[in-house]
Structure formats: structure tokens, C-alpha cells
N, C-alpha and C. Protein backbone atom coordinates (compact mmCIF):
# COMPACT_ATOMS: atom_id res chain seq x y z
N UNK A 1 -3.20 -4.20 3.14
CA UNK A 1 -2.61 -2.96 4.09
C UNK A 1 -3.55 -2.19 3.93
N UNK A 2 -4.25 -1.66 2.67
CA UNK A 2 -5.26 -0.38 2.42
C UNK A 2 -6.75 -0.79 2.80
N UNK A 3 -7.13 -2.00 3.04
CA UNK A 3 -8.17 -2.71 3.74
C UNK A 3 -8.17 -2.15 5.01
N UNK A 4 -6.97 -2.46 6.02
CA UNK A 4 -6.93 -2.69 7.29
C UNK A 4 -7.00 -0.64 7.65
N UNK A 5 -6.07 -0.07 6.70
CA UNK A 5 -6.26 1.31 7.07
C UNK A 5 -7.39 1.98 6.86
N UNK A 6 -8.39 1.78 6.15
CA UNK A 6 -9.40 1.99 5.70
C UNK A 6 -10.39 1.51 7.00
N UNK A 7 -10.27 0.17 7.49
CA UNK A 7 -11.24 -0.30 8.76
C UNK A 7 -10.85 0.62 10.19
N UNK A 8 -9.66 0.76 9.85
CA UNK A 8 -8.90 2.05 11.24
C UNK A 8 -9.95 3.39 11.10
N UNK A 9 -9.79 4.21 9.80
CA UNK A 9 -10.81 5.38 9.57
C UNK A 9 -11.98 4.87 10.09
N UNK A 10 -12.81 4.13 9.47
CA UNK A 10 -14.09 3.54 10.31
C UNK A 10 -14.44 3.58 11.64
N UNK A 11 -13.56 2.86 12.26
CA UNK A 11 -13.17 2.75 13.24
C UNK A 11 -13.76 3.97 14.50
N UNK A 12 -12.36 5.03 14.10
CA UNK A 12 -12.45 6.13 14.12
C UNK A 12 -12.54 5.92 16.24
N UNK A 13 -10.92 5.09 16.34
CA UNK A 13 -10.31 4.97 17.88
C UNK A 13 -9.74 6.03 17.74
N UNK A 14 -9.35 6.25 19.89
CA UNK A 14 -8.71 7.38 20.23
C UNK A 14 -6.96 7.07 20.18
N UNK A 15 -6.39 5.24 20.10
CA UNK A 15 -5.09 4.59 20.07
C UNK A 15 -5.18 4.22 18.91
N UNK A 16 -4.32 4.32 18.33
CA UNK A 16 -3.90 3.07 17.14
C UNK A 16 -2.59 2.65 17.15
N UNK A 17 -2.33 1.27 16.79
CA UNK A 17 -1.27 0.84 16.23
C UNK A 17 -1.23 0.23 15.32
N UNK A 18 -0.01 1.09 14.73
CA UNK A 18 0.02 0.76 13.11
C UNK A 18 1.56 0.26 12.89
N UNK A 19 1.36 -1.52 12.77
CA UNK A 19 3.19 -2.26 12.00
C UNK A 19 3.02 -1.67 10.40
N UNK A 20 4.07 -0.68 10.41
CA UNK A 20 5.13 -1.11 8.96
C UNK A 20 3.70 -0.56 8.20
N UNK A 21 2.56 0.48 8.55
CA UNK A 21 1.49 0.93 7.53
C UNK A 21 2.30 1.62 6.48
N UNK A 22 2.95 2.05 6.09
CA UNK A 22 3.69 2.44 4.50
C UNK A 22 4.61 1.05 3.98
N UNK A 23 5.07 -0.39 4.44
CA UNK A 23 6.21 -0.72 3.94
C UNK A 23 5.34 -1.64 2.27
N UNK A 24 4.30 -1.76 2.26
CA UNK A 24 3.50 -2.55 0.93
C UNK A 24 3.15 -1.42 -0.22
N UNK A 25 3.13 -0.07 0.31
CA UNK A 25 3.06 0.67 -0.38
C UNK A 25 3.56 1.71 -1.54
N UNK A 26 3.52 1.78 -2.85
CA UNK A 26 4.12 2.79 -3.36
C UNK A 26 4.25 4.28 -2.58
N UNK A 27 5.46 5.01 -3.47
CA UNK A 27 4.85 6.41 -3.19
C UNK A 27 3.75 7.00 -3.07
N UNK A 28 3.26 7.14 -4.20
CA UNK A 28 2.04 7.89 -3.60
C UNK A 28 0.88 8.25 -2.66
N UNK A 29 0.69 6.39 -2.80
CA UNK A 29 0.23 6.12 -1.24
C UNK A 29 0.44 6.49 -0.20
N UNK A 30 1.88 6.15 0.02
CA UNK A 30 2.25 5.87 1.75
C UNK A 30 2.65 7.76 1.94
N UNK A 31 2.95 8.50 0.74
CA UNK A 31 2.81 10.30 0.97
C UNK A 31 1.22 10.02 1.03
N UNK A 32 0.27 9.77 0.70
CA UNK A 32 -1.03 10.14 1.48
C UNK A 32 -1.15 9.94 2.65
N UNK A 33 -0.96 8.11 3.13
CA UNK A 33 -1.25 7.95 4.14
C UNK A 33 -0.64 8.95 5.44
N UNK A 34 1.14 9.19 5.29
CA UNK A 34 1.00 10.08 6.30
C UNK A 34 0.94 11.33 6.06
N UNK A 35 0.81 12.07 4.99
CA UNK A 35 0.14 13.66 5.54
C UNK A 35 -1.37 13.82 5.42
N UNK A 36 -2.21 12.78 4.66
CA UNK A 36 -3.54 13.01 5.21
C UNK A 36 -3.90 11.99 6.37
N UNK A 37 -3.75 11.23 6.91
CA UNK A 37 -3.91 10.32 7.86
C UNK A 37 -3.39 10.61 9.03
N UNK A 38 -2.04 10.31 9.21
CA UNK A 38 -1.07 10.28 9.84
C UNK A 38 -0.70 11.85 11.10
N UNK A 39 -0.49 12.69 9.89
CA UNK A 39 -0.02 13.93 10.30
C UNK A 39 -1.76 15.05 10.07
N UNK A 40 -2.60 14.61 9.63
CA UNK A 40 -4.02 15.17 9.42
C UNK A 40 -5.24 14.63 10.29
N UNK A 41 -5.88 13.68 9.55
CA UNK A 41 -7.28 13.29 10.56
C UNK A 41 -6.76 12.78 11.93
N UNK A 42 -5.82 12.03 12.17
CA UNK A 42 -5.18 10.76 13.12
C UNK A 42 -4.37 11.81 13.99
N UNK A 43 -4.01 13.16 13.51
CA UNK A 43 -3.11 14.06 14.73
C UNK A 43 -3.41 14.20 15.87
N UNK A 44 -4.78 13.95 16.45
CA UNK A 44 -4.60 14.50 18.09
C UNK A 44 -5.14 13.11 18.48
N UNK A 45 -5.01 11.59 17.99
CA UNK A 45 -4.80 10.28 18.02
C UNK A 45 -4.04 10.40 18.75
N UNK A 46 -3.24 9.11 19.72
CA UNK A 46 -2.33 8.50 19.80
C UNK A 46 -1.99 7.38 19.31
N UNK A 47 -0.83 7.80 18.82
CA UNK A 47 -0.18 6.70 17.17
C UNK A 47 1.31 5.92 18.24
N UNK A 48 0.75 4.51 18.32
CA UNK A 48 2.03 3.60 18.28
C UNK A 48 2.28 3.18 17.10
N UNK A 49 3.46 3.24 16.17
CA UNK A 49 3.40 2.95 15.00
C UNK A 49 4.90 2.47 15.04
N UNK A 50 5.57 1.56 14.85
CA UNK A 50 6.10 0.53 14.22
C UNK A 50 6.65 0.67 12.78
N UNK A 51 7.78 1.37 12.42
CA UNK A 51 8.50 1.54 11.19
C UNK A 51 9.91 1.51 11.39
N UNK A 52 10.09 1.19 9.51
CA UNK A 52 11.13 1.10 9.36
C UNK A 52 11.89 2.26 8.09
N UNK A 53 10.45 2.78 8.53
CA UNK A 53 10.53 4.35 7.04
C UNK A 53 11.12 5.44 7.98
N UNK A 54 12.23 6.24 7.58
CA UNK A 54 12.72 7.35 8.45
C UNK A 54 12.23 8.41 8.35
N UNK A 55 11.30 8.40 6.91
CA UNK A 55 10.46 9.49 6.86
C UNK A 55 8.94 9.50 7.51
N UNK A 56 8.23 8.58 7.86
CA UNK A 56 7.38 8.14 9.17
C UNK A 56 7.74 8.45 10.20
N UNK A 57 9.10 8.17 10.66
CA UNK A 57 10.26 8.26 11.75
C UNK A 57 10.12 9.36 12.33
N UNK A 58 10.53 10.46 11.07
CA UNK A 58 10.41 12.08 11.96
C UNK A 58 9.19 12.26 12.13
N UNK A 59 8.50 12.13 11.57
CA UNK A 59 7.15 12.63 12.00
C UNK A 59 6.55 12.07 13.42
N UNK A 60 7.58 11.78 14.28
CA UNK A 60 6.92 10.78 15.41
C UNK A 60 7.37 12.46 16.22
N UNK A 61 6.63 12.36 17.00
CA UNK A 61 6.86 13.52 18.81
C UNK A 61 7.70 12.78 19.65
N UNK A 62 8.05 10.96 19.62
CA UNK A 62 9.02 10.00 20.41
C UNK A 62 9.20 9.19 19.38
N UNK A 63 10.30 9.13 19.77
CA UNK A 63 10.97 7.94 18.87
C UNK A 63 11.82 6.45 19.63
N UNK A 64 11.24 5.72 19.97
CA UNK A 64 12.12 4.57 20.43
C UNK A 64 12.73 3.47 19.08
N UNK A 65 14.15 3.16 19.74
CA UNK A 65 15.05 2.88 18.59
C UNK A 65 15.26 1.92 19.01
N UNK A 66 15.22 0.30 18.53
CA UNK A 66 15.38 -0.82 18.97
C UNK A 66 16.99 -1.64 18.16
N UNK A 67 17.37 -1.87 18.83
CA UNK A 67 18.75 -2.86 18.31
C UNK A 67 18.90 -4.26 18.86
N UNK A 68 18.56 -5.27 18.16
CA UNK A 68 18.80 -6.65 18.23
C UNK A 68 17.69 -7.20 19.26
N UNK A 69 16.57 -6.52 19.39
CA UNK A 69 15.26 -7.30 20.22
C UNK A 69 15.17 -6.72 21.47
N UNK A 70 16.60 -4.88 21.75
CA UNK A 70 15.69 -4.53 23.03
C UNK A 70 16.08 -2.83 22.59
N UNK A 71 15.36 -2.25 23.78
CA UNK A 71 15.52 -0.53 23.32
C UNK A 71 16.70 -0.22 23.36
N UNK A 72 17.47 0.48 22.59
CA UNK A 72 18.90 0.78 22.79
C UNK A 72 18.34 2.62 23.05
N UNK A 73 17.58 2.93 22.72
CA UNK A 73 17.86 4.71 22.99
C UNK A 73 16.11 5.36 22.58
N UNK A 74 15.55 6.25 23.25
CA UNK A 74 14.70 6.97 23.22
C UNK A 74 14.70 8.83 23.32
N UNK A 75 14.03 9.06 22.01
CA UNK A 75 14.03 10.83 22.89
C UNK A 75 13.07 11.32 21.25
N UNK A 76 13.28 12.18 21.13
CA UNK A 76 12.79 13.07 19.65
C UNK A 76 13.97 13.25 18.77
N UNK A 77 13.43 13.18 17.53
CA UNK A 77 14.06 13.11 16.11
C UNK A 77 15.54 13.89 16.61
N UNK A 78 15.16 15.43 16.85
CA UNK A 78 16.54 16.12 17.05
C UNK A 78 17.27 15.32 17.89
N UNK A 79 17.30 14.85 19.13
CA UNK A 79 17.83 14.12 20.16
C UNK A 79 18.38 13.04 19.49
N UNK A 80 17.70 12.23 18.62
CA UNK A 80 18.25 11.17 17.79
C UNK A 80 18.69 11.33 16.17
N UNK A 81 18.81 12.54 16.47
CA UNK A 81 19.28 12.81 14.85
C UNK A 81 21.40 11.77 14.57
N UNK A 82 22.13 11.33 15.30
CA UNK A 82 23.03 10.64 14.90
C UNK A 82 22.46 9.47 14.35
N UNK A 83 21.39 8.66 14.62
CA UNK A 83 20.93 7.72 14.55
C UNK A 83 20.24 7.90 13.22
N UNK A 84 19.76 8.63 12.75
CA UNK A 84 19.53 9.27 11.12
C UNK A 84 20.40 9.09 10.29
N UNK A 85 21.52 9.69 11.41
CA UNK A 85 22.62 9.38 9.99
C UNK A 85 22.84 8.73 9.91
N UNK A 86 23.23 8.02 10.88
CA UNK A 86 24.33 6.60 10.61
C UNK A 86 23.28 5.84 9.98
N UNK A 87 22.43 5.75 9.81
CA UNK A 87 21.56 4.67 9.08
C UNK A 87 20.76 4.92 8.06
N UNK A 88 20.51 6.29 7.30
CA UNK A 88 19.99 7.10 6.25
C UNK A 88 20.99 7.81 5.67
N UNK A 89 22.01 8.16 6.03
CA UNK A 89 23.18 8.90 5.42
C UNK A 89 22.17 10.53 6.17
N UNK A 90 21.08 11.26 5.05
CA UNK A 90 21.45 12.83 5.57
C UNK A 90 20.00 12.34 6.79
N UNK A 91 19.31 11.37 6.72
CA UNK A 91 18.25 11.25 7.51
C UNK A 91 17.13 12.01 6.92
N UNK A 92 17.27 11.78 5.85
CA UNK A 92 15.93 12.27 4.63
C UNK A 92 15.83 11.07 3.83
N UNK A 93 15.98 9.64 4.26
CA UNK A 93 15.94 9.00 3.10
C UNK A 93 14.57 8.60 2.94
N UNK A 94 14.02 7.82 1.96
CA UNK A 94 12.33 7.92 2.54
C UNK A 94 11.37 8.23 1.10
N UNK A 95 10.56 7.79 1.74
CA UNK A 95 8.99 8.99 1.23
C UNK A 95 9.16 10.18 1.48
N UNK A 96 9.15 11.30 0.40
CA UNK A 96 9.25 12.61 0.25
C UNK A 96 7.48 12.83 1.10
N UNK A 97 8.30 13.78 2.46
CA UNK A 97 7.05 14.72 2.99
C UNK A 97 7.10 16.00 3.17
């Protein structure tokens, strides 16, 4: 995963597709990826991120929530607050950001 992220930084594309980019990383590296890349270096880029991480999902401008392979709901984090609460307790589980 780290090599793929490094290649992505080097290529400097305007649109990035990231498939669970922090799933195999420890908390320290995950926090770096979220804070320094996703919310930093890549802040002005278009990002399509597939994730199971509530810490990463809560950074999104728009969330598409899938259940059983189909789009169930879409909206902002505030609009989907009930999903975060149902799935992750208070909606703050996962990597600290």
C-alpha cells in the first residue's frame, strides 16, 4: 500500500481513486495519510475513496453508502449521521484525526 501511495504522489494526477487506502496501515501512518495527504496535499484534487473507516469517511464532502452491493443512501456526514451512529457507536471510532 505504501508504494502505491508513493506512486500516486509522484504522478500528481487531478483525480485519484483510492481503494481502502488505510486498511493495512497502523494508526500513525493512517493519521499521516489522512491529515497530510487526503486533507493536505490532495485537498484540491477529486478523490474517490472506497473505505470501511469512519475516520476517513467523515472527511468526505459526499458519502455514498452501499448495502448488499447496492447504493442505499447518499449525502453529507451530517445527513447520514444515523448511519455513523448505527455502525460505529458515536460515529467517531477508528483512527483519530
